[in-house]
Amino acid sequence: FWRSVSNLTVNVAGGSGCSADTEFWASSQ
């Protein structure tokens, strides 16, 4: 909970293996 991202651009890059080149926003309320 209680986190945010706003007002920007993400060109997804980086990470490795399963998490490579993916933006993860695994959150709830």
mmCIF file of all heavy atoms, coordinates in Angstrom:
data_MODEL
# 
_entry.id   MODEL 
# 
loop_
_atom_site.group_PDB 
_atom_site.id 
_atom_site.type_symbol 
_atom_site.label_atom_id 
_atom_site.label_alt_id 
_atom_site.label_comp_id 
_atom_site.label_asym_id 
_atom_site.label_entity_id 
_atom_site.label_seq_id 
_atom_site.pdbx_PDB_ins_code 
_atom_site.Cartn_x 
_atom_site.Cartn_y 
_atom_site.Cartn_z 
_atom_site.occupancy 
_atom_site.B_iso_or_equiv 
_atom_site.pdbx_formal_charge 
_atom_site.auth_seq_id 
_atom_site.auth_comp_id 
_atom_site.auth_asym_id 
_atom_site.auth_atom_id 
_atom_site.pdbx_PDB_model_num 
ATOM 1   N N   . PHE A 1 1  ? 0.834  -1.191  0.000   1.00 0.00 ? 1  PHE A N   1 
ATOM 2   C CA  . PHE A 1 1  ? 0.000  0.000   0.000   1.00 0.00 ? 1  PHE A CA  1 
ATOM 3   C C   . PHE A 1 1  ? 0.880  1.257   0.000   1.00 0.00 ? 1  PHE A C   1 
ATOM 4   O O   . PHE A 1 1  ? 2.085  1.206   0.117   1.00 0.00 ? 1  PHE A O   1 
ATOM 5   C CB  . PHE A 1 1  ? -0.899 0.056   1.250   1.00 0.00 ? 1  PHE A CB  1 
ATOM 6   C CG  . PHE A 1 1  ? -1.595 -1.222  1.609   1.00 0.00 ? 1  PHE A CG  1 
ATOM 7   C CD1 . PHE A 1 1  ? -1.552 -1.712  2.919   1.00 0.00 ? 1  PHE A CD1 1 
ATOM 8   C CD2 . PHE A 1 1  ? -2.312 -1.935  0.670   1.00 0.00 ? 1  PHE A CD2 1 
ATOM 9   C CE1 . PHE A 1 1  ? -2.218 -2.872  3.274   1.00 0.00 ? 1  PHE A CE1 1 
ATOM 10  C CE2 . PHE A 1 1  ? -2.985 -3.097  1.012   1.00 0.00 ? 1  PHE A CE2 1 
ATOM 11  C CZ  . PHE A 1 1  ? -2.932 -3.584  2.320   1.00 0.00 ? 1  PHE A CZ  1 
ATOM 12  N N   . TRP A 1 2  ? 0.232  2.435   -0.085  1.00 0.00 ? 2  TRP A N   1 
ATOM 13  C CA  . TRP A 1 2  ? 0.804  3.755   0.230   1.00 0.00 ? 2  TRP A CA  1 
ATOM 14  C C   . TRP A 1 2  ? 2.128  4.012   -0.503  1.00 0.00 ? 2  TRP A C   1 
ATOM 15  O O   . TRP A 1 2  ? 3.182  4.181   0.090   1.00 0.00 ? 2  TRP A O   1 
ATOM 16  C CB  . TRP A 1 2  ? 0.966  3.907   1.748   1.00 0.00 ? 2  TRP A CB  1 
ATOM 17  C CG  . TRP A 1 2  ? -0.301 3.604   2.474   1.00 0.00 ? 2  TRP A CG  1 
ATOM 18  C CD1 . TRP A 1 2  ? -1.529 4.182   2.287   1.00 0.00 ? 2  TRP A CD1 1 
ATOM 19  C CD2 . TRP A 1 2  ? -0.487 2.596   3.478   1.00 0.00 ? 2  TRP A CD2 1 
ATOM 20  N NE1 . TRP A 1 2  ? -2.456 3.588   3.113   1.00 0.00 ? 2  TRP A NE1 1 
ATOM 21  C CE2 . TRP A 1 2  ? -1.860 2.612   3.862   1.00 0.00 ? 2  TRP A CE2 1 
ATOM 22  C CE3 . TRP A 1 2  ? 0.367  1.681   4.094   1.00 0.00 ? 2  TRP A CE3 1 
ATOM 23  C CZ2 . TRP A 1 2  ? -2.368 1.759   4.821   1.00 0.00 ? 2  TRP A CZ2 1 
ATOM 24  C CZ3 . TRP A 1 2  ? -0.152 0.835   5.047   1.00 0.00 ? 2  TRP A CZ3 1 
ATOM 25  C CH2 . TRP A 1 2  ? -1.511 0.875   5.411   1.00 0.00 ? 2  TRP A CH2 1 
ATOM 26  N N   . ARG A 1 3  ? 2.020  4.087   -1.828  1.00 0.00 ? 3  ARG A N   1 
ATOM 27  C CA  . ARG A 1 3  ? 3.155  4.417   -2.703  1.00 0.00 ? 3  ARG A CA  1 
ATOM 28  C C   . ARG A 1 3  ? 2.570  4.893   -4.031  1.00 0.00 ? 3  ARG A C   1 
ATOM 29  O O   . ARG A 1 3  ? 1.410  4.624   -4.352  1.00 0.00 ? 3  ARG A O   1 
ATOM 30  C CB  . ARG A 1 3  ? 4.066  3.205   -2.907  1.00 0.00 ? 3  ARG A CB  1 
ATOM 31  C CG  . ARG A 1 3  ? 3.376  2.051   -3.636  1.00 0.00 ? 3  ARG A CG  1 
ATOM 32  C CD  . ARG A 1 3  ? 4.089  0.744   -3.419  1.00 0.00 ? 3  ARG A CD  1 
ATOM 33  N NE  . ARG A 1 3  ? 3.913  0.286   -2.051  1.00 0.00 ? 3  ARG A NE  1 
ATOM 34  C CZ  . ARG A 1 3  ? 4.673  -0.651  -1.467  1.00 0.00 ? 3  ARG A CZ  1 
ATOM 35  N NH1 . ARG A 1 3  ? 5.658  -1.208  -2.128  1.00 0.00 ? 3  ARG A NH1 1 
ATOM 36  N NH2 . ARG A 1 3  ? 4.446  -1.014  -0.221  1.00 0.00 ? 3  ARG A NH2 1 
ATOM 37  N N   . SER A 1 4  ? 3.349  5.609   -4.835  1.00 0.00 ? 4  SER A N   1 
ATOM 38  C CA  . SER A 1 4  ? 2.799  6.138   -6.075  1.00 0.00 ? 4  SER A CA  1 
ATOM 39  C C   . SER A 1 4  ? 3.906  6.490   -7.051  1.00 0.00 ? 4  SER A C   1 
ATOM 40  O O   . SER A 1 4  ? 5.059  6.719   -6.673  1.00 0.00 ? 4  SER A O   1 
ATOM 41  C CB  . SER A 1 4  ? 1.940  7.373   -5.802  1.00 0.00 ? 4  SER A CB  1 
ATOM 42  O OG  . SER A 1 4  ? 2.732  8.434   -5.299  1.00 0.00 ? 4  SER A OG  1 
ATOM 43  N N   . VAL A 1 5  ? 3.518  6.537   -8.341  1.00 0.00 ? 5  VAL A N   1 
ATOM 44  C CA  . VAL A 1 5  ? 4.380  7.036   -9.405  1.00 0.00 ? 5  VAL A CA  1 
ATOM 45  C C   . VAL A 1 5  ? 3.525  7.947   -10.277 1.00 0.00 ? 5  VAL A C   1 
ATOM 46  O O   . VAL A 1 5  ? 2.386  7.604   -10.620 1.00 0.00 ? 5  VAL A O   1 
ATOM 47  C CB  . VAL A 1 5  ? 4.967  5.897   -10.258 1.00 0.00 ? 5  VAL A CB  1 
ATOM 48  C CG1 . VAL A 1 5  ? 5.847  6.460   -11.365 1.00 0.00 ? 5  VAL A CG1 1 
ATOM 49  C CG2 . VAL A 1 5  ? 5.764  4.919   -9.399  1.00 0.00 ? 5  VAL A CG2 1 
ATOM 50  N N   . SER A 1 6  ? 4.070  9.121   -10.658 1.00 0.00 ? 6  SER A N   1 
ATOM 51  C CA  . SER A 1 6  ? 3.273  10.058  -11.438 1.00 0.00 ? 6  SER A CA  1 
ATOM 52  C C   . SER A 1 6  ? 4.150  10.973  -12.285 1.00 0.00 ? 6  SER A C   1 
ATOM 53  O O   . SER A 1 6  ? 5.310  11.231  -11.964 1.00 0.00 ? 6  SER A O   1 
ATOM 54  C CB  . SER A 1 6  ? 2.381  10.909  -10.520 1.00 0.00 ? 6  SER A CB  1 
ATOM 55  O OG  . SER A 1 6  ? 3.161  11.698  -9.648  1.00 0.00 ? 6  SER A OG  1 
ATOM 56  N N   . ASN A 1 7  ? 3.568  11.431  -13.404 1.00 0.00 ? 7  ASN A N   1 
ATOM 57  C CA  . ASN A 1 7  ? 4.082  12.532  -14.206 1.00 0.00 ? 7  ASN A CA  1 
ATOM 58  C C   . ASN A 1 7  ? 5.476  12.281  -14.768 1.00 0.00 ? 7  ASN A C   1 
ATOM 59  O O   . ASN A 1 7  ? 6.341  13.161  -14.725 1.00 0.00 ? 7  ASN A O   1 
ATOM 60  C CB  . ASN A 1 7  ? 4.059  13.838  -13.401 1.00 0.00 ? 7  ASN A CB  1 
ATOM 61  C CG  . ASN A 1 7  ? 4.130  15.053  -14.304 1.00 0.00 ? 7  ASN A CG  1 
ATOM 62  O OD1 . ASN A 1 7  ? 3.579  15.055  -15.390 1.00 0.00 ? 7  ASN A OD1 1 
ATOM 63  N ND2 . ASN A 1 7  ? 4.831  16.091  -13.853 1.00 0.00 ? 7  ASN A ND2 1 
ATOM 64  N N   . LEU A 1 8  ? 5.691  11.113  -15.337 1.00 0.00 ? 8  LEU A N   1 
ATOM 65  C CA  . LEU A 1 8  ? 6.957  10.831  -15.987 1.00 0.00 ? 8  LEU A CA  1 
ATOM 66  C C   . LEU A 1 8  ? 6.777  9.728   -17.025 1.00 0.00 ? 8  LEU A C   1 
ATOM 67  O O   . LEU A 1 8  ? 5.729  9.082   -17.104 1.00 0.00 ? 8  LEU A O   1 
ATOM 68  C CB  . LEU A 1 8  ? 8.036  10.462  -14.960 1.00 0.00 ? 8  LEU A CB  1 
ATOM 69  C CG  . LEU A 1 8  ? 7.735  9.413   -13.885 1.00 0.00 ? 8  LEU A CG  1 
ATOM 70  C CD1 . LEU A 1 8  ? 7.733  7.995   -14.427 1.00 0.00 ? 8  LEU A CD1 1 
ATOM 71  C CD2 . LEU A 1 8  ? 8.731  9.518   -12.737 1.00 0.00 ? 8  LEU A CD2 1 
ATOM 72  N N   . THR A 1 9  ? 7.807  9.545   -17.834 1.00 0.00 ? 9  THR A N   1 
ATOM 73  C CA  . THR A 1 9  ? 7.851  8.488   -18.844 1.00 0.00 ? 9  THR A CA  1 
ATOM 74  C C   . THR A 1 9  ? 8.886  7.456   -18.448 1.00 0.00 ? 9  THR A C   1 
ATOM 75  O O   . THR A 1 9  ? 9.987  7.801   -18.005 1.00 0.00 ? 9  THR A O   1 
ATOM 76  C CB  . THR A 1 9  ? 8.208  9.080   -20.220 1.00 0.00 ? 9  THR A CB  1 
ATOM 77  O OG1 . THR A 1 9  ? 7.133  9.914   -20.661 1.00 0.00 ? 9  THR A OG1 1 
ATOM 78  C CG2 . THR A 1 9  ? 8.438  7.987   -21.247 1.00 0.00 ? 9  THR A CG2 1 
ATOM 79  N N   . VAL A 1 10 ? 8.527  6.184   -18.601 1.00 0.00 ? 10 VAL A N   1 
ATOM 80  C CA  . VAL A 1 10 ? 9.467  5.090   -18.379 1.00 0.00 ? 10 VAL A CA  1 
ATOM 81  C C   . VAL A 1 10 ? 9.619  4.314   -19.690 1.00 0.00 ? 10 VAL A C   1 
ATOM 82  O O   . VAL A 1 10 ? 8.641  3.751   -20.201 1.00 0.00 ? 10 VAL A O   1 
ATOM 83  C CB  . VAL A 1 10 ? 8.989  4.141   -17.263 1.00 0.00 ? 10 VAL A CB  1 
ATOM 84  C CG1 . VAL A 1 10 ? 9.974  2.979   -17.096 1.00 0.00 ? 10 VAL A CG1 1 
ATOM 85  C CG2 . VAL A 1 10 ? 8.826  4.883   -15.941 1.00 0.00 ? 10 VAL A CG2 1 
ATOM 86  N N   . ASN A 1 11 ? 10.821 4.334   -20.242 1.00 0.00 ? 11 ASN A N   1 
ATOM 87  C CA  . ASN A 1 11 ? 11.162 3.425   -21.330 1.00 0.00 ? 11 ASN A CA  1 
ATOM 88  C C   . ASN A 1 11 ? 11.755 2.180   -20.687 1.00 0.00 ? 11 ASN A C   1 
ATOM 89  O O   . ASN A 1 11 ? 12.881 2.215   -20.171 1.00 0.00 ? 11 ASN A O   1 
ATOM 90  C CB  . ASN A 1 11 ? 12.172 4.073   -22.283 1.00 0.00 ? 11 ASN A CB  1 
ATOM 91  C CG  . ASN A 1 11 ? 11.577 5.234   -23.052 1.00 0.00 ? 11 ASN A CG  1 
ATOM 92  O OD1 . ASN A 1 11 ? 10.422 5.203   -23.458 1.00 0.00 ? 11 ASN A OD1 1 
ATOM 93  N ND2 . ASN A 1 11 ? 12.373 6.283   -23.256 1.00 0.00 ? 11 ASN A ND2 1 
ATOM 94  N N   . VAL A 1 12 ? 10.959 1.119   -20.676 1.00 0.00 ? 12 VAL A N   1 
ATOM 95  C CA  . VAL A 1 12 ? 11.293 -0.036  -19.843 1.00 0.00 ? 12 VAL A CA  1 
ATOM 96  C C   . VAL A 1 12 ? 12.563 -0.710  -20.352 1.00 0.00 ? 12 VAL A C   1 
ATOM 97  O O   . VAL A 1 12 ? 12.677 -1.062  -21.531 1.00 0.00 ? 12 VAL A O   1 
ATOM 98  C CB  . VAL A 1 12 ? 10.127 -1.031  -19.818 1.00 0.00 ? 12 VAL A CB  1 
ATOM 99  C CG1 . VAL A 1 12 ? 10.475 -2.217  -18.928 1.00 0.00 ? 12 VAL A CG1 1 
ATOM 100 C CG2 . VAL A 1 12 ? 8.859  -0.340  -19.299 1.00 0.00 ? 12 VAL A CG2 1 
ATOM 101 N N   . ALA A 1 13 ? 13.514 -0.898  -19.448 1.00 0.00 ? 13 ALA A N   1 
ATOM 102 C CA  . ALA A 1 13 ? 14.786 -1.544  -19.768 1.00 0.00 ? 13 ALA A CA  1 
ATOM 103 C C   . ALA A 1 13 ? 15.381 -2.069  -18.470 1.00 0.00 ? 13 ALA A C   1 
ATOM 104 O O   . ALA A 1 13 ? 14.990 -1.668  -17.374 1.00 0.00 ? 13 ALA A O   1 
ATOM 105 C CB  . ALA A 1 13 ? 15.746 -0.564  -20.439 1.00 0.00 ? 13 ALA A CB  1 
ATOM 106 N N   . GLY A 1 14 ? 16.336 -2.978  -18.607 1.00 0.00 ? 14 GLY A N   1 
ATOM 107 C CA  . GLY A 1 14 ? 17.057 -3.471  -17.436 1.00 0.00 ? 14 GLY A CA  1 
ATOM 108 C C   . GLY A 1 14 ? 16.459 -4.727  -16.861 1.00 0.00 ? 14 GLY A C   1 
ATOM 109 O O   . GLY A 1 14 ? 15.518 -5.308  -17.388 1.00 0.00 ? 14 GLY A O   1 
ATOM 110 N N   . GLY A 1 15 ? 16.999 -5.132  -15.719 1.00 0.00 ? 15 GLY A N   1 
ATOM 111 C CA  . GLY A 1 15 ? 16.604 -6.381  -15.109 1.00 0.00 ? 15 GLY A CA  1 
ATOM 112 C C   . GLY A 1 15 ? 17.266 -7.559  -15.802 1.00 0.00 ? 15 GLY A C   1 
ATOM 113 O O   . GLY A 1 15 ? 17.981 -7.412  -16.793 1.00 0.00 ? 15 GLY A O   1 
ATOM 114 N N   . SER A 1 16 ? 17.016 -8.749  -15.269 1.00 0.00 ? 16 SER A N   1 
ATOM 115 C CA  . SER A 1 16 ? 17.606 -9.948  -15.851 1.00 0.00 ? 16 SER A CA  1 
ATOM 116 C C   . SER A 1 16 ? 16.697 -11.132 -15.593 1.00 0.00 ? 16 SER A C   1 
ATOM 117 O O   . SER A 1 16 ? 15.830 -11.099 -14.709 1.00 0.00 ? 16 SER A O   1 
ATOM 118 C CB  . SER A 1 16 ? 18.997 -10.214 -15.253 1.00 0.00 ? 16 SER A CB  1 
ATOM 119 O OG  . SER A 1 16 ? 18.899 -10.427 -13.852 1.00 0.00 ? 16 SER A OG  1 
ATOM 120 N N   . GLY A 1 17 ? 16.882 -12.161 -16.371 1.00 0.00 ? 17 GLY A N   1 
ATOM 121 C CA  . GLY A 1 17 ? 16.087 -13.369 -16.186 1.00 0.00 ? 17 GLY A CA  1 
ATOM 122 C C   . GLY A 1 17 ? 14.607 -13.093 -16.331 1.00 0.00 ? 17 GLY A C   1 
ATOM 123 O O   . GLY A 1 17 ? 14.164 -12.393 -17.241 1.00 0.00 ? 17 GLY A O   1 
ATOM 124 N N   . CYS A 1 18 ? 13.838 -13.595 -15.399 1.00 0.00 ? 18 CYS A N   1 
ATOM 125 C CA  . CYS A 1 18 ? 12.382 -13.461 -15.437 1.00 0.00 ? 18 CYS A CA  1 
ATOM 126 C C   . CYS A 1 18 ? 11.936 -12.009 -15.415 1.00 0.00 ? 18 CYS A C   1 
ATOM 127 O O   . CYS A 1 18 ? 10.919 -11.643 -16.016 1.00 0.00 ? 18 CYS A O   1 
ATOM 128 C CB  . CYS A 1 18 ? 11.788 -14.213 -14.247 1.00 0.00 ? 18 CYS A CB  1 
ATOM 129 S SG  . CYS A 1 18 ? 9.994  -14.115 -14.098 1.00 0.00 ? 18 CYS A SG  1 
ATOM 130 N N   . SER A 1 19 ? 12.678 -11.161 -14.737 1.00 0.00 ? 19 SER A N   1 
ATOM 131 C CA  . SER A 1 19 ? 12.262 -9.774  -14.576 1.00 0.00 ? 19 SER A CA  1 
ATOM 132 C C   . SER A 1 19 ? 12.846 -8.834  -15.620 1.00 0.00 ? 19 SER A C   1 
ATOM 133 O O   . SER A 1 19 ? 12.679 -7.618  -15.513 1.00 0.00 ? 19 SER A O   1 
ATOM 134 C CB  . SER A 1 19 ? 12.636 -9.275  -13.179 1.00 0.00 ? 19 SER A CB  1 
ATOM 135 O OG  . SER A 1 19 ? 14.039 -9.324  -12.999 1.00 0.00 ? 19 SER A OG  1 
ATOM 136 N N   . ALA A 1 20 ? 13.485 -9.363  -16.648 1.00 0.00 ? 20 ALA A N   1 
ATOM 137 C CA  . ALA A 1 20 ? 14.137 -8.514  -17.635 1.00 0.00 ? 20 ALA A CA  1 
ATOM 138 C C   . ALA A 1 20 ? 13.114 -7.719  -18.437 1.00 0.00 ? 20 ALA A C   1 
ATOM 139 O O   . ALA A 1 20 ? 12.052 -8.220  -18.814 1.00 0.00 ? 20 ALA A O   1 
ATOM 140 C CB  . ALA A 1 20 ? 14.989 -9.365  -18.576 1.00 0.00 ? 20 ALA A CB  1 
ATOM 141 N N   . ASP A 1 21 ? 13.431 -6.472  -18.668 1.00 0.00 ? 21 ASP A N   1 
ATOM 142 C CA  . ASP A 1 21 ? 12.671 -5.602  -19.568 1.00 0.00 ? 21 ASP A CA  1 
ATOM 143 C C   . ASP A 1 21 ? 11.179 -5.561  -19.240 1.00 0.00 ? 21 ASP A C   1 
ATOM 144 O O   . ASP A 1 21 ? 10.328 -5.559  -20.132 1.00 0.00 ? 21 ASP A O   1 
ATOM 145 C CB  . ASP A 1 21 ? 12.873 -6.041  -21.031 1.00 0.00 ? 21 ASP A CB  1 
ATOM 146 C CG  . ASP A 1 21 ? 14.327 -5.921  -21.469 1.00 0.00 ? 21 ASP A CG  1 
ATOM 147 O OD1 . ASP A 1 21 ? 14.999 -4.950  -21.039 1.00 0.00 ? 21 ASP A OD1 1 
ATOM 148 O OD2 . ASP A 1 21 ? 14.810 -6.792  -22.209 1.00 0.00 ? 21 ASP A OD2 1 
ATOM 149 N N   . THR A 1 22 ? 10.872 -5.514  -17.961 1.00 0.00 ? 22 THR A N   1 
ATOM 150 C CA  . THR A 1 22 ? 9.469  -5.437  -17.522 1.00 0.00 ? 22 THR A CA  1 
ATOM 151 C C   . THR A 1 22 ? 9.357  -4.484  -16.351 1.00 0.00 ? 22 THR A C   1 
ATOM 152 O O   . THR A 1 22 ? 10.155 -4.531  -15.408 1.00 0.00 ? 22 THR A O   1 
ATOM 153 C CB  . THR A 1 22 ? 8.933  -6.823  -17.110 1.00 0.00 ? 22 THR A CB  1 
ATOM 154 O OG1 . THR A 1 22 ? 9.049  -7.723  -18.212 1.00 0.00 ? 22 THR A OG1 1 
ATOM 155 C CG2 . THR A 1 22 ? 7.470  -6.741  -16.690 1.00 0.00 ? 22 THR A CG2 1 
ATOM 156 N N   . GLU A 1 23 ? 8.370  -3.606  -16.437 1.00 0.00 ? 23 GLU A N   1 
ATOM 157 C CA  . GLU A 1 23 ? 8.011  -2.739  -15.322 1.00 0.00 ? 23 GLU A CA  1 
ATOM 158 C C   . GLU A 1 23 ? 7.020  -3.497  -14.454 1.00 0.00 ? 23 GLU A C   1 
ATOM 159 O O   . GLU A 1 23 ? 5.929  -3.883  -14.907 1.00 0.00 ? 23 GLU A O   1 
ATOM 160 C CB  . GLU A 1 23 ? 7.365  -1.460  -15.845 1.00 0.00 ? 23 GLU A CB  1 
ATOM 161 C CG  . GLU A 1 23 ? 6.700  -0.606  -14.793 1.00 0.00 ? 23 GLU A CG  1 
ATOM 162 C CD  . GLU A 1 23 ? 7.627  0.442   -14.202 1.00 0.00 ? 23 GLU A CD  1 
ATOM 163 O OE1 . GLU A 1 23 ? 8.788  0.533   -14.641 1.00 0.00 ? 23 GLU A OE1 1 
ATOM 164 O OE2 . GLU A 1 23 ? 7.176  1.170   -13.313 1.00 0.00 ? 23 GLU A OE2 1 
ATOM 165 N N   . PHE A 1 24 ? 7.373  -3.757  -13.192 1.00 0.00 ? 24 PHE A N   1 
ATOM 166 C CA  . PHE A 1 24 ? 6.494  -4.460  -12.260 1.00 0.00 ? 24 PHE A CA  1 
ATOM 167 C C   . PHE A 1 24 ? 5.876  -3.452  -11.289 1.00 0.00 ? 24 PHE A C   1 
ATOM 168 O O   . PHE A 1 24 ? 6.593  -2.736  -10.601 1.00 0.00 ? 24 PHE A O   1 
ATOM 169 C CB  . PHE A 1 24 ? 7.262  -5.521  -11.471 1.00 0.00 ? 24 PHE A CB  1 
ATOM 170 C CG  . PHE A 1 24 ? 7.619  -6.743  -12.274 1.00 0.00 ? 24 PHE A CG  1 
ATOM 171 C CD1 . PHE A 1 24 ? 8.845  -6.841  -12.926 1.00 0.00 ? 24 PHE A CD1 1 
ATOM 172 C CD2 . PHE A 1 24 ? 6.723  -7.798  -12.386 1.00 0.00 ? 24 PHE A CD2 1 
ATOM 173 C CE1 . PHE A 1 24 ? 9.170  -7.961  -13.662 1.00 0.00 ? 24 PHE A CE1 1 
ATOM 174 C CE2 . PHE A 1 24 ? 7.042  -8.921  -13.121 1.00 0.00 ? 24 PHE A CE2 1 
ATOM 175 C CZ  . PHE A 1 24 ? 8.272  -9.011  -13.773 1.00 0.00 ? 24 PHE A CZ  1 
ATOM 176 N N   . TRP A 1 25 ? 4.551  -3.425  -11.254 1.00 0.00 ? 25 TRP A N   1 
ATOM 177 C CA  . TRP A 1 25 ? 3.860  -2.607  -10.258 1.00 0.00 ? 25 TRP A CA  1 
ATOM 178 C C   . TRP A 1 25 ? 2.870  -3.523  -9.531  1.00 0.00 ? 25 TRP A C   1 
ATOM 179 O O   . TRP A 1 25 ? 1.670  -3.470  -9.726  1.00 0.00 ? 25 TRP A O   1 
ATOM 180 C CB  . TRP A 1 25 ? 3.173  -1.412  -10.903 1.00 0.00 ? 25 TRP A CB  1 
ATOM 181 C CG  . TRP A 1 25 ? 2.708  -0.398  -9.909  1.00 0.00 ? 25 TRP A CG  1 
ATOM 182 C CD1 . TRP A 1 25 ? 1.434  -0.104  -9.538  1.00 0.00 ? 25 TRP A CD1 1 
ATOM 183 C CD2 . TRP A 1 25 ? 3.547  0.447   -9.095  1.00 0.00 ? 25 TRP A CD2 1 
ATOM 184 N NE1 . TRP A 1 25 ? 1.412  0.869   -8.559  1.00 0.00 ? 25 TRP A NE1 1 
ATOM 185 C CE2 . TRP A 1 25 ? 2.700  1.228   -8.272  1.00 0.00 ? 25 TRP A CE2 1 
ATOM 186 C CE3 . TRP A 1 25 ? 4.937  0.613   -8.993  1.00 0.00 ? 25 TRP A CE3 1 
ATOM 187 C CZ2 . TRP A 1 25 ? 3.209  2.168   -7.368  1.00 0.00 ? 25 TRP A CZ2 1 
ATOM 188 C CZ3 . TRP A 1 25 ? 5.423  1.537   -8.083  1.00 0.00 ? 25 TRP A CZ3 1 
ATOM 189 C CH2 . TRP A 1 25 ? 4.566  2.304   -7.286  1.00 0.00 ? 25 TRP A CH2 1 
ATOM 190 N N   . ALA A 1 26 ? 3.449  -4.403  -8.697  1.00 0.00 ? 26 ALA A N   1 
ATOM 191 C CA  . ALA A 1 26 ? 2.672  -5.401  -7.960  1.00 0.00 ? 26 ALA A CA  1 
ATOM 192 C C   . ALA A 1 26 ? 2.266  -4.793  -6.627  1.00 0.00 ? 26 ALA A C   1 
ATOM 193 O O   . ALA A 1 26 ? 3.019  -4.827  -5.654  1.00 0.00 ? 26 ALA A O   1 
ATOM 194 C CB  . ALA A 1 26 ? 3.493  -6.671  -7.745  1.00 0.00 ? 26 ALA A CB  1 
ATOM 195 N N   . SER A 1 27 ? 1.078  -4.217  -6.597  1.00 0.00 ? 27 SER A N   1 
ATOM 196 C CA  . SER A 1 27 ? 0.645  -3.487  -5.409  1.00 0.00 ? 27 SER A CA  1 
ATOM 197 C C   . SER A 1 27 ? -0.852 -3.680  -5.235  1.00 0.00 ? 27 SER A C   1 
ATOM 198 O O   . SER A 1 27 ? -1.526 -4.306  -6.056  1.00 0.00 ? 27 SER A O   1 
ATOM 199 C CB  . SER A 1 27 ? 0.988  -1.997  -5.537  1.00 0.00 ? 27 SER A CB  1 
ATOM 200 O OG  . SER A 1 27 ? 0.272  -1.417  -6.610  1.00 0.00 ? 27 SER A OG  1 
ATOM 201 N N   . SER A 1 28 ? -1.367 -3.089  -4.181  1.00 0.00 ? 28 SER A N   1 
ATOM 202 C CA  . SER A 1 28 ? -2.789 -3.213  -3.873  1.00 0.00 ? 28 SER A CA  1 
ATOM 203 C C   . SER A 1 28 ? -3.384 -1.819  -3.713  1.00 0.00 ? 28 SER A C   1 
ATOM 204 O O   . SER A 1 28 ? -3.065 -0.920  -4.491  1.00 0.00 ? 28 SER A O   1 
ATOM 205 C CB  . SER A 1 28 ? -2.983 -4.107  -2.652  1.00 0.00 ? 28 SER A CB  1 
ATOM 206 O OG  . SER A 1 28 ? -2.624 -5.455  -2.984  1.00 0.00 ? 28 SER A OG  1 
ATOM 207 N N   . GLN A 1 29 ? -4.223 -1.596  -2.701  1.00 0.00 ? 29 GLN A N   1 
ATOM 208 C CA  . GLN A 1 29 ? -4.872 -0.291  -2.571  1.00 0.00 ? 29 GLN A CA  1 
ATOM 209 C C   . GLN A 1 29 ? -3.854 0.811   -2.271  1.00 0.00 ? 29 GLN A C   1 
ATOM 210 O O   . GLN A 1 29 ? -2.742 0.550   -1.831  1.00 0.00 ? 29 GLN A O   1 
ATOM 211 C CB  . GLN A 1 29 ? -5.929 -0.340  -1.461  1.00 0.00 ? 29 GLN A CB  1 
ATOM 212 C CG  . GLN A 1 29 ? -7.120 -1.224  -1.755  1.00 0.00 ? 29 GLN A CG  1 
ATOM 213 C CD  . GLN A 1 29 ? -6.902 -2.662  -1.373  1.00 0.00 ? 29 GLN A CD  1 
ATOM 214 O OE1 . GLN A 1 29 ? -5.798 -3.087  -1.011  1.00 0.00 ? 29 GLN A OE1 1 
ATOM 215 N NE2 . GLN A 1 29 ? -7.973 -3.456  -1.435  1.00 0.00 ? 29 GLN A NE2 1 
# 
